[in-house]
Amino acid sequence: MSMEIRYGKTRVVFFETRPRPDPPFAASVDIDVFGERFKASYTEGDNREVVATDTMKNFVYRTAADFTGRSLEAYVAFLGSRLLTTYPQMERIRVTVHEIPLDEGHQAEGGSDVVFRMTRSDACCAQADFARDGSDLTVTSARSGIEGMRLFKTTGSSFAAFARDDYTTLPELQDRPLTIRMDAYWQYENARDAAEGTGHIDPRLIRNVVEHTFHDFNSKSIQELVHEMGRRLLERFTQLAVVEFSAENHTPDKMAEHDGVKVFAEPRQTFGKIGLVLRR
């Protein structure tokens, strides 16, 4: 009988305020710990090597003020290194961080460095796996992303000439409105670019490319749309090695039309899903 061990802490949320005018840094942290050193806890109830998950929570809170960077990737690198340095019994760990979206509030004259909106549904994320290589710590895999994007446009999408049989009831759709929910992920050619290198990409630039493509590309399917998004991202950002998309079709159902005015209903809760990975 073989065993693969994993335990950790999920959704450790903190808000770190900084001297003005720097904006706050807010994140939700997940930690996963792997390794044979914890096997006895599973097989014998021997917890002498176990770092309690409550300890991990406190570690996140107490070390957060030591982080001086801005990006999620830099924080993942910071926390992963700190954990492995502090706890030698941890052989391998995975750190996943989601931003708590804070968008600058606006006053009559310009923006505010005091008031922030918490209304955006999508959130950036970063994840990395860390391992020991002798006395050194290595990053074995890393990726960044934006999860929960919801995009809607009223025209510029179609889905027609697809395979039909006795089970097909979907009509061919020309110049339809389109609503998607989508997660986008990317990996760098050089993992150092993600955390500290000059090649780091602000996720807002990724979002801009995705939104502009959604707006101006007249797609014949969502599959074609996400492929065009990925192609443009790899073309613009040469430091990227991989882009990945996971999308759901939330396009509303047409119910009525009168004098050029069309009425659509919320779609049934059975969503088509589309996945794509593009490697350079």
Protein backbone atom coordinates (compact mmCIF):
# COMPACT_ATOMS: atom_id res chain seq x y z
CA MET A 1 0.00 0.00 0.00
CA SER A 2 1.43 3.38 -1.03
CA MET A 3 0.67 6.76 0.48
CA GLU A 4 0.78 10.32 -0.76
CA ILE A 5 0.65 12.76 2.11
CA ARG A 6 -0.74 16.28 1.98
CA TYR A 7 -2.10 18.59 4.63
CA GLY A 8 -2.17 22.32 5.24
CA LYS A 9 -4.23 25.43 5.82
CA THR A 10 -6.74 27.14 3.54
CA ARG A 11 -8.08 30.67 3.22
CA VAL A 12 -5.78 32.56 5.56
CA VAL A 13 -6.88 36.11 4.76
CA PHE A 14 -4.93 39.21 5.74
CA PHE A 15 -4.97 42.93 4.95
CA GLU A 16 -1.64 44.72 5.20
CA THR A 17 -1.84 48.52 5.23
CA ARG A 18 1.25 50.47 4.27
CA PRO A 19 2.44 54.06 4.65
CA ARG A 20 0.46 56.26 2.29
CA PRO A 21 0.26 56.60 -0.62
CA ASP A 22 1.13 52.90 -1.15
CA PRO A 23 -2.11 50.87 -1.47
CA PRO A 24 -2.87 48.02 0.94
CA PHE A 25 -1.78 44.48 0.12
CA ALA A 26 -4.56 41.95 0.76
CA ALA A 27 -4.50 38.23 0.05
CA SER A 28 -6.02 34.83 0.81
CA VAL A 29 -3.38 32.15 1.34
CA ASP A 30 -3.50 28.35 0.98
CA ILE A 31 -0.59 26.18 2.13
CA ASP A 32 -0.16 22.50 1.22
CA VAL A 33 2.62 20.44 2.80
CA PHE A 34 3.94 17.16 1.37
CA GLY A 35 6.54 14.68 2.60
CA GLU A 36 7.35 11.37 4.23
CA ARG A 37 8.30 13.04 7.52
CA PHE A 38 4.60 13.23 8.40
CA LYS A 39 3.79 9.59 7.61
CA ALA A 40 3.77 8.53 11.28
CA SER A 41 0.98 10.98 12.02
CA TYR A 42 -1.23 9.11 9.55
CA THR A 43 -0.19 5.55 10.41
CA GLU A 44 0.53 5.77 14.15
CA GLY A 45 -0.98 9.01 15.39
CA ASP A 46 2.55 10.25 16.13
CA ASN A 47 2.40 14.04 15.70
CA ARG A 48 5.91 14.99 16.83
CA GLU A 49 6.95 16.21 13.36
CA VAL A 50 3.63 17.85 12.51
CA VAL A 51 3.50 21.61 12.15
CA ALA A 52 -0.06 22.40 13.22
CA THR A 53 -2.19 24.12 10.61
CA ASP A 54 -3.01 26.75 13.23
CA THR A 55 0.74 27.42 13.45
CA MET A 56 0.79 27.92 9.67
CA LYS A 57 -2.02 30.47 9.99
CA ASN A 58 -0.12 32.41 12.65
CA PHE A 59 3.06 32.21 10.57
CA VAL A 60 1.28 33.91 7.66
CA TYR A 61 -0.06 36.69 9.87
CA ARG A 62 3.18 37.38 11.73
CA THR A 63 5.46 37.38 8.69
CA ALA A 64 3.17 39.40 6.39
CA ALA A 65 4.62 42.72 7.55
CA ASP A 66 8.11 41.57 6.49
CA PHE A 67 6.99 41.37 2.85
CA THR A 68 7.81 44.56 1.00
CA GLY A 69 6.97 43.55 -2.57
CA ARG A 70 3.83 44.26 -4.56
CA SER A 71 3.06 41.24 -6.74
CA LEU A 72 1.35 38.01 -5.70
CA GLU A 73 4.18 36.05 -7.30
CA ALA A 74 6.75 37.82 -5.15
CA TYR A 75 4.69 37.09 -2.03
CA VAL A 76 4.40 33.40 -2.96
CA ALA A 77 8.21 33.24 -3.32
CA PHE A 78 8.65 35.07 0.00
CA LEU A 79 6.28 32.83 1.97
CA GLY A 80 7.48 29.58 0.40
CA SER A 81 11.11 30.37 1.19
CA ARG A 82 10.29 31.43 4.76
CA LEU A 83 8.32 28.26 5.46
CA LEU A 84 10.97 25.86 4.21
CA THR A 85 13.72 27.77 5.98
CA THR A 86 11.81 27.74 9.27
CA TYR A 87 10.54 24.14 9.20
CA PRO A 88 13.17 21.59 8.05
CA GLN A 89 10.66 18.71 8.29
CA MET A 90 8.73 20.18 5.36
CA GLU A 91 10.20 18.49 2.28
CA ARG A 92 7.87 19.98 -0.34
CA ILE A 93 5.20 22.66 -0.14
CA ARG A 94 2.73 24.42 -2.39
CA VAL A 95 1.74 28.02 -1.76
CA THR A 96 -1.36 29.40 -3.48
CA VAL A 97 -2.36 33.03 -3.07
CA HIS A 98 -5.48 34.84 -4.31
CA GLU A 99 -5.75 38.59 -4.20
CA ILE A 100 -8.50 40.28 -2.25
CA PRO A 101 -9.50 42.75 -4.98
CA LEU A 102 -9.10 46.34 -3.83
CA ASP A 103 -9.73 48.98 -6.47
CA GLU A 104 -8.97 52.59 -5.71
CA GLY A 105 -12.08 54.59 -4.86
CA HIS A 106 -12.62 57.84 -6.74
CA GLN A 107 -13.44 61.23 -5.35
CA ALA A 108 -14.53 64.30 -7.29
CA GLU A 109 -10.87 65.19 -7.93
CA GLY A 110 -8.81 62.13 -8.83
CA GLY A 111 -8.46 58.94 -6.86
CA SER A 112 -8.24 58.17 -3.15
CA ASP A 113 -5.42 56.51 -1.24
CA VAL A 114 -7.78 55.88 1.68
CA VAL A 115 -10.98 54.49 0.15
CA PHE A 116 -11.02 51.23 -1.84
CA ARG A 117 -13.82 49.36 -3.58
CA MET A 118 -14.31 45.63 -2.98
CA THR A 119 -16.79 45.03 -5.81
CA ARG A 120 -14.77 43.23 -8.49
CA SER A 121 -15.69 39.54 -8.87
CA ASP A 122 -12.52 38.36 -10.62
CA ALA A 123 -9.29 37.90 -8.69
CA CYS A 124 -5.65 37.40 -9.57
CA CYS A 125 -3.82 34.38 -8.22
CA ALA A 126 -0.34 32.87 -8.07
CA GLN A 127 0.88 29.41 -7.14
CA ALA A 128 4.29 27.76 -6.79
CA ASP A 129 5.66 24.41 -5.62
CA PHE A 130 8.86 24.46 -3.58
CA ALA A 131 11.24 21.61 -2.76
CA ARG A 132 14.61 21.02 -1.14
CA ASP A 133 17.62 20.29 -3.33
CA GLY A 134 20.27 19.55 -0.75
CA SER A 135 20.72 22.79 1.17
CA ASP A 136 19.05 24.83 -1.58
CA LEU A 137 15.38 25.61 -2.11
CA THR A 138 14.03 25.24 -5.64
CA VAL A 139 10.80 26.21 -7.38
CA THR A 140 9.60 23.10 -9.23
CA SER A 141 6.56 24.68 -10.87
CA ALA A 142 4.79 28.04 -10.88
CA ARG A 143 1.85 29.70 -12.55
CA SER A 144 -0.14 32.91 -12.33
CA GLY A 145 -3.72 33.63 -13.27
CA ILE A 146 -6.94 35.59 -13.17
CA GLU A 147 -9.99 33.64 -12.02
CA GLY A 148 -13.67 34.48 -12.30
CA MET A 149 -13.66 36.91 -15.23
CA ARG A 150 -17.20 37.52 -16.52
CA LEU A 151 -17.51 39.15 -19.93
CA PHE A 152 -20.61 40.08 -21.94
CA LYS A 153 -20.99 41.55 -25.41
CA THR A 154 -24.10 42.16 -27.48
CA THR A 155 -22.73 41.24 -30.91
CA GLY A 156 -19.74 39.72 -32.66
CA SER A 157 -20.18 36.02 -31.89
CA SER A 158 -21.74 33.07 -33.69
CA PHE A 159 -22.00 29.29 -33.49
CA ALA A 160 -23.16 27.49 -36.60
CA ALA A 161 -22.38 24.59 -38.99
CA PHE A 162 -21.76 22.20 -36.07
CA ALA A 163 -22.43 18.47 -36.07
CA ARG A 164 -26.13 17.57 -35.90
CA ASP A 165 -28.00 14.34 -35.16
CA ASP A 166 -31.28 13.20 -33.61
CA TYR A 167 -30.24 14.59 -30.20
CA THR A 168 -29.47 18.09 -31.48
CA THR A 169 -31.99 20.82 -30.68
CA LEU A 170 -29.71 23.87 -30.61
CA PRO A 171 -30.40 26.22 -33.54
CA GLU A 172 -27.57 27.75 -35.52
CA LEU A 173 -26.74 31.10 -33.94
CA GLN A 174 -25.51 34.05 -35.99
CA ASP A 175 -24.33 37.32 -34.46
CA ARG A 176 -25.54 36.37 -31.00
CA PRO A 177 -24.83 38.06 -27.68
CA LEU A 178 -22.12 36.24 -25.75
CA THR A 179 -21.53 35.84 -22.02
CA ILE A 180 -18.61 33.83 -20.66
CA ARG A 181 -17.10 33.10 -17.30
CA MET A 182 -13.40 32.43 -17.65
CA ASP A 183 -10.20 31.64 -15.79
CA ALA A 184 -6.90 32.46 -17.50
CA TYR A 185 -3.47 31.20 -16.38
CA TRP A 186 0.07 31.74 -17.57
CA GLN A 187 3.57 30.41 -16.93
CA TYR A 188 6.87 32.16 -17.55
CA GLU A 189 9.79 30.79 -19.55
CA ASN A 190 12.00 31.81 -16.62
CA ALA A 191 10.39 31.28 -13.20
CA ARG A 192 12.48 34.13 -11.78
CA ASP A 193 10.56 36.58 -13.96
CA ALA A 194 7.39 35.68 -12.10
CA ALA A 195 8.65 36.79 -8.70
CA GLU A 196 11.54 39.17 -9.10
CA GLY A 197 12.71 39.47 -12.67
CA THR A 198 12.33 42.38 -15.03
CA GLY A 199 9.99 40.25 -17.14
CA HIS A 200 7.16 40.22 -14.61
CA ILE A 201 3.79 41.05 -16.20
CA ASP A 202 1.18 43.11 -14.39
CA PRO A 203 -2.02 41.01 -14.47
CA ARG A 204 -3.92 44.11 -15.56
CA LEU A 205 -2.07 43.90 -18.88
CA ILE A 206 -3.20 40.29 -19.31
CA ARG A 207 -6.77 41.30 -18.52
CA ASN A 208 -6.59 44.13 -21.05
CA VAL A 209 -5.51 41.78 -23.86
CA VAL A 210 -8.28 39.33 -22.96
CA GLU A 211 -10.94 42.05 -22.87
CA HIS A 212 -9.78 43.73 -26.08
CA THR A 213 -9.79 40.39 -27.90
CA PHE A 214 -13.26 39.62 -26.56
CA HIS A 215 -14.42 42.99 -27.89
CA ASP A 216 -12.91 43.12 -31.36
CA PHE A 217 -12.65 39.49 -32.47
CA ASN A 218 -15.72 38.22 -34.33
CA SER A 219 -15.59 34.57 -33.32
CA LYS A 220 -17.30 31.55 -34.84
CA SER A 221 -17.08 29.70 -31.51
CA ILE A 222 -15.80 30.20 -28.00
CA GLN A 223 -13.06 27.73 -28.90
CA GLU A 224 -11.85 30.08 -31.62
CA LEU A 225 -12.16 33.04 -29.25
CA VAL A 226 -9.93 31.60 -26.49
CA HIS A 227 -7.40 30.45 -29.09
CA GLU A 228 -7.16 34.01 -30.40
CA MET A 229 -6.76 35.30 -26.84
CA GLY A 230 -3.91 32.88 -26.23
CA ARG A 231 -2.24 33.63 -29.55
CA ARG A 232 -2.26 37.35 -28.84
CA LEU A 233 -0.89 36.87 -25.33
CA LEU A 234 2.03 34.74 -26.51
CA GLU A 235 2.72 37.19 -29.32
CA ARG A 236 2.75 40.24 -27.06
CA PHE A 237 4.51 38.79 -24.01
CA THR A 238 7.56 36.88 -25.16
CA GLN A 239 8.51 35.96 -21.58
CA LEU A 240 5.50 33.61 -21.37
CA ALA A 241 5.88 29.89 -22.07
CA VAL A 242 2.31 28.67 -21.52
CA VAL A 243 -1.17 30.19 -21.45
CA GLU A 244 -4.26 28.29 -20.38
CA PHE A 245 -7.99 29.01 -20.45
CA SER A 246 -10.98 27.42 -18.76
CA ALA A 247 -14.23 29.00 -19.94
CA GLU A 248 -17.95 28.44 -19.45
CA ASN A 249 -20.62 29.51 -21.92
CA HIS A 250 -23.20 31.56 -20.01
CA THR A 251 -24.85 33.00 -23.13
CA PRO A 252 -28.49 33.96 -22.46
CA ASP A 253 -31.41 32.34 -24.26
CA LYS A 254 -33.40 34.42 -26.75
CA MET A 255 -37.06 34.64 -25.74
CA ALA A 256 -38.67 37.35 -27.88
CA GLU A 257 -38.05 40.01 -30.54
CA HIS A 258 -40.12 43.02 -31.56
CA ASP A 259 -39.17 45.97 -33.78
CA GLY A 260 -35.48 45.14 -33.52
CA VAL A 261 -35.56 44.80 -29.71
CA LYS A 262 -34.51 41.36 -28.51
CA VAL A 263 -35.28 39.91 -25.08
CA PHE A 264 -33.04 37.27 -23.50
CA ALA A 265 -33.47 35.15 -20.39
CA GLU A 266 -30.85 33.89 -17.99
CA PRO A 267 -29.45 30.64 -19.42
CA ARG A 268 -30.24 27.24 -17.97
CA GLN A 269 -27.74 26.19 -15.34
CA THR A 270 -26.06 23.62 -17.57
CA PHE A 271 -23.07 25.44 -19.01
CA GLY A 272 -20.88 24.36 -21.87
CA LYS A 273 -17.20 24.42 -20.91
CA ILE A 274 -14.15 24.99 -23.06
CA GLY A 275 -10.50 24.37 -22.16
CA LEU A 276 -7.29 25.27 -23.95
CA VAL A 277 -3.56 25.14 -23.22
CA LEU A 278 -1.14 26.84 -25.63
CA ARG A 279 2.61 26.27 -25.30
CA ARG A 280 5.19 28.31 -27.11
